[in-house]
Amino acid sequence: MKNLGHLMKQAQAMQSKMAELQGKMADAEIEGTSGAGMVTATVNGKGELKRLSIDPKLADPNEIEMLEDLIVAACADAKGRAETRFEEEMKAVTGGLPIPPGMKLF
């Protein structure tokens, strides 16, 4: 039973660290870019878009479709970077143990 009590304490400590990481990632800001930096999207750790920056040179009405594509690409880049950062930090919390597929922490 002594081992079970120790295991439960470890599980509670990991749960606490995971909750702390979730809060930290929700507040984190991660940038993604496209078009050689002409479009920059900033998302939080949940992948929610917080800011969008567009180089004024791209504001040509004849190039709206390209601008739209660059915005989508920058947002996807930022979201991918946020997910990668979260996975790396989660590995540190779980000691390298993988989170089961499909399990989202937020």
PDB file of N, CA and C in Angstrom:
ATOM      1  N   MET A   1       0.813  -1.201   0.000  1.00  0.00           N
ATOM      2  CA  MET A   1       0.000   0.000   0.000  1.00  0.00           C
ATOM      3  C   MET A   1       0.853   1.260   0.000  1.00  0.00           C
ATOM      4  N   LYS A   2       2.051   1.141   0.537  1.00  0.00           N
ATOM      5  CA  LYS A   2       2.939   2.295   0.590  1.00  0.00           C
ATOM      6  C   LYS A   2       3.237   2.791  -0.829  1.00  0.00           C
ATOM      7  N   ASN A   3       3.448   1.867  -1.750  1.00  0.00           N
ATOM      8  CA  ASN A   3       3.730   2.238  -3.139  1.00  0.00           C
ATOM      9  C   ASN A   3       2.522   2.896  -3.794  1.00  0.00           C
ATOM     10  N   LEU A   4       1.328   2.429  -3.457  1.00  0.00           N
ATOM     11  CA  LEU A   4       0.116   3.010  -4.019  1.00  0.00           C
ATOM     12  C   LEU A   4      -0.056   4.451  -3.558  1.00  0.00           C
ATOM     13  N   GLY A   5       0.210   4.716  -2.285  1.00  0.00           N
ATOM     14  CA  GLY A   5       0.126   6.081  -1.768  1.00  0.00           C
ATOM     15  C   GLY A   5       1.134   6.994  -2.459  1.00  0.00           C
ATOM     16  N   HIS A   6       2.329   6.488  -2.679  1.00  0.00           N
ATOM     17  CA  HIS A   6       3.369   7.265  -3.365  1.00  0.00           C
ATOM     18  C   HIS A   6       2.956   7.530  -4.809  1.00  0.00           C
ATOM     19  N   LEU A   7       2.398   6.528  -5.440  1.00  0.00           N
ATOM     20  CA  LEU A   7       1.942   6.670  -6.826  1.00  0.00           C
ATOM     21  C   LEU A   7       0.825   7.709  -6.920  1.00  0.00           C
ATOM     22  N   MET A   8      -0.074   7.708  -5.965  1.00  0.00           N
ATOM     23  CA  MET A   8      -1.167   8.690  -5.962  1.00  0.00           C
ATOM     24  C   MET A   8      -0.623  10.110  -5.779  1.00  0.00           C
ATOM     25  N   LYS A   9       0.376  10.278  -4.915  1.00  0.00           N
ATOM     26  CA  LYS A   9       0.995  11.590  -4.722  1.00  0.00           C
ATOM     27  C   LYS A   9       1.663  12.062  -6.007  1.00  0.00           C
ATOM     28  N   GLN A  10       2.328  11.148  -6.698  1.00  0.00           N
ATOM     29  CA  GLN A  10       2.972  11.499  -7.967  1.00  0.00           C
ATOM     30  C   GLN A  10       1.929  11.898  -9.003  1.00  0.00           C
ATOM     31  N   ALA A  11       0.824  11.179  -9.050  1.00  0.00           N
ATOM     32  CA  ALA A  11      -0.242  11.497 -10.010  1.00  0.00           C
ATOM     33  C   ALA A  11      -0.841  12.865  -9.698  1.00  0.00           C
ATOM     34  N   GLN A  12      -1.031  13.175  -8.431  1.00  0.00           N
ATOM     35  CA  GLN A  12      -1.571  14.486  -8.054  1.00  0.00           C
ATOM     36  C   GLN A  12      -0.586  15.596  -8.409  1.00  0.00           C
ATOM     37  N   ALA A  13       0.701  15.346  -8.195  1.00  0.00           N
ATOM     38  CA  ALA A  13       1.718  16.348  -8.533  1.00  0.00           C
ATOM     39  C   ALA A  13       1.747  16.582 -10.037  1.00  0.00           C
ATOM     40  N   MET A  14       1.647  15.508 -10.824  1.00  0.00           N
ATOM     41  CA  MET A  14       1.639  15.648 -12.280  1.00  0.00           C
ATOM     42  C   MET A  14       0.388  16.388 -12.729  1.00  0.00           C
ATOM     43  N   GLN A  15      -0.746  16.105 -12.124  1.00  0.00           N
ATOM     44  CA  GLN A  15      -1.990  16.790 -12.475  1.00  0.00           C
ATOM     45  C   GLN A  15      -1.869  18.276 -12.182  1.00  0.00           C
ATOM     46  N   SER A  16      -1.253  18.617 -11.085  1.00  0.00           N
ATOM     47  CA  SER A  16      -1.051  20.017 -10.722  1.00  0.00           C
ATOM     48  C   SER A  16      -0.133  20.706 -11.731  1.00  0.00           C
ATOM     49  N   LYS A  17       0.949  20.023 -12.118  1.00  0.00           N
ATOM     50  CA  LYS A  17       1.880  20.583 -13.097  1.00  0.00           C
ATOM     51  C   LYS A  17       1.207  20.752 -14.461  1.00  0.00           C
ATOM     52  N   MET A  18       0.349  19.807 -14.826  1.00  0.00           N
ATOM     53  CA  MET A  18      -0.357  19.894 -16.106  1.00  0.00           C
ATOM     54  C   MET A  18      -1.326  21.076 -16.103  1.00  0.00           C
ATOM     55  N   ALA A  19      -2.010  21.291 -14.989  1.00  0.00           N
ATOM     56  CA  ALA A  19      -2.928  22.430 -14.886  1.00  0.00           C
ATOM     57  C   ALA A  19      -2.145  23.737 -14.980  1.00  0.00           C
ATOM     58  N   GLU A  20      -0.987  23.781 -14.340  1.00  0.00           N
ATOM     59  CA  GLU A  20      -0.133  24.966 -14.406  1.00  0.00           C
ATOM     60  C   GLU A  20       0.326  25.218 -15.845  1.00  0.00           C
ATOM     61  N   LEU A  21       0.702  24.138 -16.535  1.00  0.00           N
ATOM     62  CA  LEU A  21       1.142  24.260 -17.926  1.00  0.00           C
ATOM     63  C   LEU A  21       0.003  24.749 -18.819  1.00  0.00           C
ATOM     64  N   GLN A  22      -1.216  24.263 -18.573  1.00  0.00           N
ATOM     65  CA  GLN A  22      -2.360  24.715 -19.358  1.00  0.00           C
ATOM     66  C   GLN A  22      -2.556  26.218 -19.214  1.00  0.00           C
ATOM     67  N   GLY A  23      -2.469  26.711 -18.001  1.00  0.00           N
ATOM     68  CA  GLY A  23      -2.605  28.151 -17.770  1.00  0.00           C
ATOM     69  C   GLY A  23      -1.490  28.926 -18.440  1.00  0.00           C
ATOM     70  N   LYS A  24      -0.284  28.403 -18.331  1.00  0.00           N
ATOM     71  CA  LYS A  24       0.878  29.053 -18.948  1.00  0.00           C
ATOM     72  C   LYS A  24       0.716  29.109 -20.471  1.00  0.00           C
ATOM     73  N   MET A  25       0.276  28.016 -21.061  1.00  0.00           N
ATOM     74  CA  MET A  25       0.124  27.978 -22.519  1.00  0.00           C
ATOM     75  C   MET A  25      -1.036  28.856 -22.983  1.00  0.00           C
ATOM     76  N   ALA A  26      -2.081  28.961 -22.190  1.00  0.00           N
ATOM     77  CA  ALA A  26      -3.204  29.823 -22.569  1.00  0.00           C
ATOM     78  C   ALA A  26      -2.754  31.275 -22.649  1.00  0.00           C
ATOM     79  N   ASP A  27      -1.787  31.643 -21.795  1.00  0.00           N
ATOM     80  CA  ASP A  27      -1.272  33.013 -21.786  1.00  0.00           C
ATOM     81  C   ASP A  27      -0.126  33.227 -22.768  1.00  0.00           C
ATOM     82  N   ALA A  28       0.469  32.151 -23.260  1.00  0.00           N
ATOM     83  CA  ALA A  28       1.615  32.262 -24.174  1.00  0.00           C
ATOM     84  C   ALA A  28       1.176  32.855 -25.506  1.00  0.00           C
ATOM     85  N   GLU A  29       2.083  33.541 -26.156  1.00  0.00           N
ATOM     86  CA  GLU A  29       1.826  34.068 -27.495  1.00  0.00           C
ATOM     87  C   GLU A  29       2.893  33.526 -28.430  1.00  0.00           C
ATOM     88  N   ILE A  30       2.444  32.870 -29.498  1.00  0.00           N
ATOM     89  CA  ILE A  30       3.326  32.243 -30.459  1.00  0.00           C
ATOM     90  C   ILE A  30       3.045  32.843 -31.821  1.00  0.00           C
ATOM     91  N   GLU A  31       4.107  33.231 -32.522  1.00  0.00           N
ATOM     92  CA  GLU A  31       3.949  33.847 -33.840  1.00  0.00           C
ATOM     93  C   GLU A  31       4.213  32.843 -34.948  1.00  0.00           C
ATOM     94  N   GLY A  32       3.462  33.015 -36.018  1.00  0.00           N
ATOM     95  CA  GLY A  32       3.682  32.271 -37.251  1.00  0.00           C
ATOM     96  C   GLY A  32       3.718  33.283 -38.379  1.00  0.00           C
ATOM     97  N   THR A  33       4.480  32.974 -39.419  1.00  0.00           N
ATOM     98  CA  THR A  33       4.606  33.921 -40.524  1.00  0.00           C
ATOM     99  C   THR A  33       4.397  33.234 -41.858  1.00  0.00           C
ATOM    100  N   SER A  34       4.157  34.055 -42.868  1.00  0.00           N
ATOM    101  CA  SER A  34       4.111  33.580 -44.251  1.00  0.00           C
ATOM    102  C   SER A  34       4.518  34.740 -45.142  1.00  0.00           C
ATOM    103  N   GLY A  35       4.764  34.421 -46.404  1.00  0.00           N
ATOM    104  CA  GLY A  35       5.148  35.470 -47.349  1.00  0.00           C
ATOM    105  C   GLY A  35       6.428  36.171 -46.931  1.00  0.00           C
ATOM    106  N   ALA A  36       7.412  35.389 -46.503  1.00  0.00           N
ATOM    107  CA  ALA A  36       8.706  35.934 -46.079  1.00  0.00           C
ATOM    108  C   ALA A  36       8.539  36.990 -44.988  1.00  0.00           C
ATOM    109  N   GLY A  37       7.609  36.750 -44.087  1.00  0.00           N
ATOM    110  CA  GLY A  37       7.399  37.649 -42.962  1.00  0.00           C
ATOM    111  C   GLY A  37       6.451  38.803 -43.242  1.00  0.00           C
ATOM    112  N   MET A  38       5.820  38.817 -44.404  1.00  0.00           N
ATOM    113  CA  MET A  38       4.915  39.919 -44.733  1.00  0.00           C
ATOM    114  C   MET A  38       3.574  39.798 -44.018  1.00  0.00           C
ATOM    115  N   VAL A  39       3.244  38.583 -43.588  1.00  0.00           N
ATOM    116  CA  VAL A  39       2.035  38.356 -42.790  1.00  0.00           C
ATOM    117  C   VAL A  39       2.469  37.610 -41.533  1.00  0.00           C
ATOM    118  N   THR A  40       2.091  38.143 -40.378  1.00  0.00           N
ATOM    119  CA  THR A  40       2.420  37.518 -39.093  1.00  0.00           C
ATOM    120  C   THR A  40       1.130  37.330 -38.307  1.00  0.00           C
ATOM    121  N   ALA A  41       0.929  36.104 -37.848  1.00  0.00           N
ATOM    122  CA  ALA A  41      -0.226  35.787 -37.013  1.00  0.00           C
ATOM    123  C   ALA A  41       0.291  35.414 -35.633  1.00  0.00           C
ATOM    124  N   THR A  42      -0.377  35.898 -34.597  1.00  0.00           N
ATOM    125  CA  THR A  42      -0.019  35.562 -33.222  1.00  0.00           C
ATOM    126  C   THR A  42      -1.198  34.836 -32.592  1.00  0.00           C
ATOM    127  N   VAL A  43      -0.923  33.640 -32.067  1.00  0.00           N
ATOM    128  CA  VAL A  43      -1.960  32.839 -31.417  1.00  0.00           C
ATOM    129  C   VAL A  43      -1.545  32.569 -29.976  1.00  0.00           C
ATOM    130  N   ASN A  44      -2.518  32.193 -29.151  1.00  0.00           N
ATOM    131  CA  ASN A  44      -2.170  31.751 -27.804  1.00  0.00           C
ATOM    132  C   ASN A  44      -1.928  30.247 -27.854  1.00  0.00           C
ATOM    133  N   GLY A  45      -1.623  29.676 -26.705  1.00  0.00           N
ATOM    134  CA  GLY A  45      -1.334  28.247 -26.646  1.00  0.00           C
ATOM    135  C   GLY A  45      -2.511  27.359 -26.999  1.00  0.00           C
ATOM    136  N   LYS A  46      -3.702  27.922 -27.029  1.00  0.00           N
ATOM    137  CA  LYS A  46      -4.887  27.167 -27.433  1.00  0.00           C
ATOM    138  C   LYS A  46      -5.115  27.261 -28.935  1.00  0.00           C
ATOM    139  N   GLY A  47      -4.277  28.032 -29.632  1.00  0.00           N
ATOM    140  CA  GLY A  47      -4.432  28.187 -31.071  1.00  0.00           C
ATOM    141  C   GLY A  47      -5.401  29.286 -31.459  1.00  0.00           C
ATOM    142  N   GLU A  48      -5.826  30.099 -30.491  1.00  0.00           N
ATOM    143  CA  GLU A  48      -6.759  31.191 -30.775  1.00  0.00           C
ATOM    144  C   GLU A  48      -5.985  32.394 -31.310  1.00  0.00           C
ATOM    145  N   LEU A  49      -6.451  32.946 -32.426  1.00  0.00           N
ATOM    146  CA  LEU A  49      -5.790  34.084 -33.041  1.00  0.00           C
ATOM    147  C   LEU A  49      -5.938  35.311 -32.152  1.00  0.00           C
ATOM    148  N   LYS A  50      -4.798  35.939 -31.835  1.00  0.00           N
ATOM    149  CA  LYS A  50      -4.793  37.118 -30.970  1.00  0.00           C
ATOM    150  C   LYS A  50      -4.472  38.388 -31.755  1.00  0.00           C
ATOM    151  N   ARG A  51      -3.559  38.293 -32.699  1.00  0.00           N
ATOM    152  CA  ARG A  51      -3.167  39.456 -33.503  1.00  0.00           C
ATOM    153  C   ARG A  51      -2.822  39.008 -34.912  1.00  0.00           C
ATOM    154  N   LEU A  52      -2.973  39.945 -35.820  1.00  0.00           N
ATOM    155  CA  LEU A  52      -2.617  39.714 -37.216  1.00  0.00           C
ATOM    156  C   LEU A  52      -1.938  40.970 -37.731  1.00  0.00           C
ATOM    157  N   SER A  53      -0.772  40.798 -38.328  1.00  0.00           N
ATOM    158  CA  SER A  53      -0.029  41.925 -38.869  1.00  0.00           C
ATOM    159  C   SER A  53       0.207  41.686 -40.362  1.00  0.00           C
ATOM    160  N   ILE A  54      -0.140  42.690 -41.170  1.00  0.00           N
ATOM    161  CA  ILE A  54      -0.007  42.574 -42.622  1.00  0.00           C
ATOM    162  C   ILE A  54       0.830  43.743 -43.118  1.00  0.00           C
ATOM    163  N   ASP A  55       1.860  43.422 -43.877  1.00  0.00           N
ATOM    164  CA  ASP A  55       2.692  44.464 -44.481  1.00  0.00           C
ATOM    165  C   ASP A  55       1.815  45.279 -45.429  1.00  0.00           C
ATOM    166  N   PRO A  56       1.822  46.608 -45.315  1.00  0.00           N
ATOM    167  CA  PRO A  56       0.975  47.459 -46.164  1.00  0.00           C
ATOM    168  C   PRO A  56       1.191  47.241 -47.665  1.00  0.00           C
ATOM    169  N   LYS A  57       2.350  46.738 -48.051  1.00  0.00           N
ATOM    170  CA  LYS A  57       2.620  46.480 -49.476  1.00  0.00           C
ATOM    171  C   LYS A  57       1.673  45.427 -50.042  1.00  0.00           C
ATOM    172  N   LEU A  58       1.093  44.599 -49.163  1.00  0.00           N
ATOM    173  CA  LEU A  58       0.194  43.534 -49.623  1.00  0.00           C
ATOM    174  C   LEU A  58      -1.247  44.000 -49.795  1.00  0.00           C
ATOM    175  N   ALA A  59      -1.532  45.245 -49.477  1.00  0.00           N
ATOM    176  CA  ALA A  59      -2.901  45.748 -49.516  1.00  0.00           C
ATOM    177  C   ALA A  59      -3.338  46.175 -50.917  1.00  0.00           C
ATOM    178  N   ASP A  60      -2.926  45.450 -51.918  1.00  0.00           N
ATOM    179  CA  ASP A  60      -3.313  45.719 -53.299  1.00  0.00           C
ATOM    180  C   ASP A  60      -4.650  45.018 -53.569  1.00  0.00           C
ATOM    181  N   PRO A  61      -5.705  45.767 -53.919  1.00  0.00           N
ATOM    182  CA  PRO A  61      -7.013  45.157 -54.164  1.00  0.00           C
ATOM    183  C   PRO A  61      -6.979  44.053 -55.237  1.00  0.00           C
ATOM    184  N   ASN A  62      -6.005  44.114 -56.119  1.00  0.00           N
ATOM    185  CA  ASN A  62      -5.900  43.100 -57.167  1.00  0.00           C
ATOM    186  C   ASN A  62      -5.255  41.810 -56.661  1.00  0.00           C
ATOM    187  N   GLU A  63      -4.715  41.843 -55.471  1.00  0.00           N
ATOM    188  CA  GLU A  63      -4.011  40.687 -54.912  1.00  0.00           C
ATOM    189  C   GLU A  63      -4.681  40.139 -53.647  1.00  0.00           C
ATOM    190  N   ILE A  64      -5.970  40.402 -53.493  1.00  0.00           N
ATOM    191  CA  ILE A  64      -6.686  39.980 -52.291  1.00  0.00           C
ATOM    192  C   ILE A  64      -6.622  38.466 -52.089  1.00  0.00           C
ATOM    193  N   GLU A  65      -6.743  37.689 -53.138  1.00  0.00           N
ATOM    194  CA  GLU A  65      -6.726  36.234 -52.999  1.00  0.00           C
ATOM    195  C   GLU A  65      -5.385  35.758 -52.444  1.00  0.00           C
ATOM    196  N   MET A  66      -4.295  36.349 -52.922  1.00  0.00           N
ATOM    197  CA  MET A  66      -2.977  35.986 -52.406  1.00  0.00           C
ATOM    198  C   MET A  66      -2.870  36.374 -50.932  1.00  0.00           C
ATOM    199  N   LEU A  67      -3.374  37.547 -50.575  1.00  0.00           N
ATOM    200  CA  LEU A  67      -3.341  38.001 -49.189  1.00  0.00           C
ATOM    201  C   LEU A  67      -4.122  37.048 -48.296  1.00  0.00           C
ATOM    202  N   GLU A  68      -5.282  36.628 -48.750  1.00  0.00           N
ATOM    203  CA  GLU A  68      -6.086  35.686 -47.980  1.00  0.00           C
ATOM    204  C   GLU A  68      -5.324  34.378 -47.754  1.00  0.00           C
ATOM    205  N   ASP A  69      -4.657  33.889 -48.798  1.00  0.00           N
ATOM    206  CA  ASP A  69      -3.865  32.661 -48.680  1.00  0.00           C
ATOM    207  C   ASP A  69      -2.724  32.831 -47.681  1.00  0.00           C
ATOM    208  N   LEU A  70      -2.075  33.982 -47.700  1.00  0.00           N
ATOM    209  CA  LEU A  70      -0.975  34.245 -46.781  1.00  0.00           C
ATOM    210  C   LEU A  70      -1.464  34.326 -45.334  1.00  0.00           C
ATOM    211  N   ILE A  71      -2.636  34.888 -45.145  1.00  0.00           N
ATOM    212  CA  ILE A  71      -3.206  34.964 -43.794  1.00  0.00           C
ATOM    213  C   ILE A  71      -3.486  33.560 -43.265  1.00  0.00           C
ATOM    214  N   VAL A  72      -4.102  32.738 -44.086  1.00  0.00           N
ATOM    215  CA  VAL A  72      -4.395  31.360 -43.680  1.00  0.00           C
ATOM    216  C   VAL A  72      -3.098  30.618 -43.363  1.00  0.00           C
ATOM    217  N   ALA A  73      -2.081  30.801 -44.207  1.00  0.00           N
ATOM    218  CA  ALA A  73      -0.794  30.123 -43.996  1.00  0.00           C
ATOM    219  C   ALA A  73      -0.123  30.590 -42.708  1.00  0.00           C
ATOM    220  N   ALA A  74      -0.156  31.883 -42.422  1.00  0.00           N
ATOM    221  CA  ALA A  74       0.455  32.403 -41.198  1.00  0.00           C
ATOM    222  C   ALA A  74      -0.267  31.869 -39.965  1.00  0.00           C
ATOM    223  N   CYS A  75      -1.585  31.799 -40.031  1.00  0.00           N
ATOM    224  CA  CYS A  75      -2.362  31.272 -38.899  1.00  0.00           C
ATOM    225  C   CYS A  75      -2.041  29.795 -38.676  1.00  0.00           C
ATOM    226  N   ALA A  76      -1.949  29.030 -39.749  1.00  0.00           N
ATOM    227  CA  ALA A  76      -1.620  27.611 -39.637  1.00  0.00           C
ATOM    228  C   ALA A  76      -0.213  27.425 -39.070  1.00  0.00           C
ATOM    229  N   ASP A  77       0.721  28.263 -39.497  1.00  0.00           N
ATOM    230  CA  ASP A  77       2.090  28.192 -38.996  1.00  0.00           C
ATOM    231  C   ASP A  77       2.117  28.483 -37.496  1.00  0.00           C
ATOM    232  N   ALA A  78       1.418  29.517 -37.070  1.00  0.00           N
ATOM    233  CA  ALA A  78       1.390  29.875 -35.650  1.00  0.00           C
ATOM    234  C   ALA A  78       0.759  28.765 -34.819  1.00  0.00           C
ATOM    235  N   LYS A  79      -0.329  28.203 -35.304  1.00  0.00           N
ATOM    236  CA  LYS A  79      -1.005  27.132 -34.568  1.00  0.00           C
ATOM    237  C   LYS A  79      -0.104  25.900 -34.458  1.00  0.00           C
ATOM    238  N   GLY A  80       0.581  25.567 -35.543  1.00  0.00           N
ATOM    239  CA  GLY A  80       1.511  24.433 -35.518  1.00  0.00           C
ATOM    240  C   GLY A  80       2.639  24.646 -34.531  1.00  0.00           C
ATOM    241  N   ARG A  81       3.168  25.859 -34.480  1.00  0.00           N
ATOM    242  CA  ARG A  81       4.232  26.169 -33.524  1.00  0.00           C
ATOM    243  C   ARG A  81       3.722  26.087 -32.091  1.00  0.00           C
ATOM    244  N   ALA A  82       2.487  26.529 -31.863  1.00  0.00           N
ATOM    245  CA  ALA A  82       1.903  26.460 -30.523  1.00  0.00           C
ATOM    246  C   ALA A  82       1.738  25.005 -30.091  1.00  0.00           C
ATOM    247  N   GLU A  83       1.264  24.159 -30.987  1.00  0.00           N
ATOM    248  CA  GLU A  83       1.081  22.742 -30.666  1.00  0.00           C
ATOM    249  C   GLU A  83       2.418  22.074 -30.364  1.00  0.00           C
ATOM    250  N   THR A  84       3.436  22.396 -31.171  1.00  0.00           N
ATOM    251  CA  THR A  84       4.765  21.831 -30.947  1.00  0.00           C
ATOM    252  C   THR A  84       5.319  22.267 -29.601  1.00  0.00           C
ATOM    253  N   ARG A  85       5.164  23.530 -29.286  1.00  0.00           N
ATOM    254  CA  ARG A  85       5.658  24.048 -28.007  1.00  0.00           C
ATOM    255  C   ARG A  85       4.946  23.374 -26.844  1.00  0.00           C
ATOM    256  N   PHE A  86       3.628  23.205 -26.954  1.00  0.00           N
ATOM    257  CA  PHE A  86       2.863  22.557 -25.904  1.00  0.00           C
ATOM    258  C   PHE A  86       3.309  21.108 -25.723  1.00  0.00           C
ATOM    259  N   GLU A  87       3.509  20.395 -26.830  1.00  0.00           N
ATOM    260  CA  GLU A  87       3.943  18.997 -26.758  1.00  0.00           C
ATOM    261  C   GLU A  87       5.300  18.883 -26.076  1.00  0.00           C
ATOM    262  N   GLU A  88       6.227  19.800 -26.401  1.00  0.00           N
ATOM    263  CA  GLU A  88       7.553  19.778 -25.790  1.00  0.00           C
ATOM    264  C   GLU A  88       7.460  20.030 -24.286  1.00  0.00           C
ATOM    265  N   GLU A  89       6.659  20.995 -23.896  1.00  0.00           N
ATOM    266  CA  GLU A  89       6.526  21.298 -22.477  1.00  0.00           C
ATOM    267  C   GLU A  89       5.790  20.185 -21.744  1.00  0.00           C
ATOM    268  N   MET A  90       4.851  19.547 -22.420  1.00  0.00           N
ATOM    269  CA  MET A  90       4.108  18.448 -21.799  1.00  0.00           C
ATOM    270  C   MET A  90       5.039  17.259 -21.557  1.00  0.00           C
ATOM    271  N   LYS A  91       5.976  17.012 -22.470  1.00  0.00           N
ATOM    272  CA  LYS A  91       6.926  15.917 -22.277  1.00  0.00           C
ATOM    273  C   LYS A  91       7.758  16.158 -21.018  1.00  0.00           C
ATOM    274  N   ALA A  92       8.092  17.414 -20.773  1.00  0.00           N
ATOM    275  CA  ALA A  92       8.858  17.736 -19.571  1.00  0.00           C
ATOM    276  C   ALA A  92       8.036  17.453 -18.319  1.00  0.00           C
ATOM    277  N   VAL A  93       6.744  17.738 -18.362  1.00  0.00           N
ATOM    278  CA  VAL A  93       5.867  17.521 -17.203  1.00  0.00           C
ATOM    279  C   VAL A  93       5.632  16.034 -16.967  1.00  0.00           C
ATOM    280  N   THR A  94       5.444  15.278 -18.051  1.00  0.00           N
ATOM    281  CA  THR A  94       5.105  13.860 -17.910  1.00  0.00           C
ATOM    282  C   THR A  94       6.335  12.959 -17.890  1.00  0.00           C
ATOM    283  N   GLY A  95       7.504  13.563 -17.923  1.00  0.00           N
ATOM    284  CA  GLY A  95       8.728  12.756 -17.910  1.00  0.00           C
ATOM    285  C   GLY A  95       8.910  11.976 -19.186  1.00  0.00           C
ATOM    286  N   GLY A  96       8.371  12.480 -20.275  1.00  0.00           N
ATOM    287  CA  GLY A  96       8.524  11.826 -21.569  1.00  0.00           C
ATOM    288  C   GLY A  96       7.426  10.828 -21.895  1.00  0.00           C
ATOM    289  N   LEU A  97       6.540  10.552 -20.946  1.00  0.00           N
ATOM    290  CA  LEU A  97       5.440   9.634 -21.226  1.00  0.00           C
ATOM    291  C   LEU A  97       4.472  10.290 -22.207  1.00  0.00           C
ATOM    292  N   PRO A  98       4.084   9.575 -23.246  1.00  0.00           N
ATOM    293  CA  PRO A  98       3.164  10.174 -24.223  1.00  0.00           C
ATOM    294  C   PRO A  98       1.751  10.298 -23.680  1.00  0.00           C
ATOM    295  N   ILE A  99       1.067  11.339 -24.095  1.00  0.00           N
ATOM    296  CA  ILE A  99      -0.348  11.512 -23.777  1.00  0.00           C
ATOM    297  C   ILE A  99      -1.115  10.627 -24.773  1.00  0.00           C
ATOM    298  N   PRO A 100      -2.117   9.892 -24.319  1.00  0.00           N
ATOM    299  CA  PRO A 100      -2.861   9.028 -25.240  1.00  0.00           C
ATOM    300  C   PRO A 100      -3.424   9.796 -26.431  1.00  0.00           C
ATOM    301  N   PRO A 101      -3.419   9.188 -27.630  1.00  0.00           N
ATOM    302  CA  PRO A 101      -3.938   9.846 -28.817  1.00  0.00           C
ATOM    303  C   PRO A 101      -5.372  10.325 -28.606  1.00  0.00           C
ATOM    304  N   GLY A 102      -5.643  11.530 -29.077  1.00  0.00           N
ATOM    305  CA  GLY A 102      -6.983  12.084 -28.971  1.00  0.00           C
ATOM    306  C   GLY A 102      -7.272  12.774 -27.657  1.00  0.00           C
ATOM    307  N   MET A 103      -6.372  12.655 -26.696  1.00  0.00           N
ATOM    308  CA  MET A 103      -6.587  13.309 -25.400  1.00  0.00           C
ATOM    309  C   MET A 103      -6.121  14.734 -25.488  1.00  0.00           C
ATOM    310  N   LYS A 104      -7.041  15.647 -25.389  1.00  0.00           N
ATOM    311  CA  LYS A 104      -6.732  17.068 -25.414  1.00  0.00           C
ATOM    312  C   LYS A 104      -6.814  17.590 -23.997  1.00  0.00           C
ATOM    313  N   LEU A 105      -5.868  18.425 -23.632  1.00  0.00           N
ATOM    314  CA  LEU A 105      -5.852  18.946 -22.280  1.00  0.00           C
ATOM    315  C   LEU A 105      -6.555  20.275 -22.170  1.00  0.00           C
ATOM    316  N   PHE A 106      -6.891  20.921 -23.290  1.00  0.00           N
ATOM    317  CA  PHE A 106      -7.741  22.105 -23.311  1.00  0.00           C
ATOM    318  C   PHE A 106      -8.284  22.284 -24.661  1.00  0.00           C
TER     319      PHE A 106
END
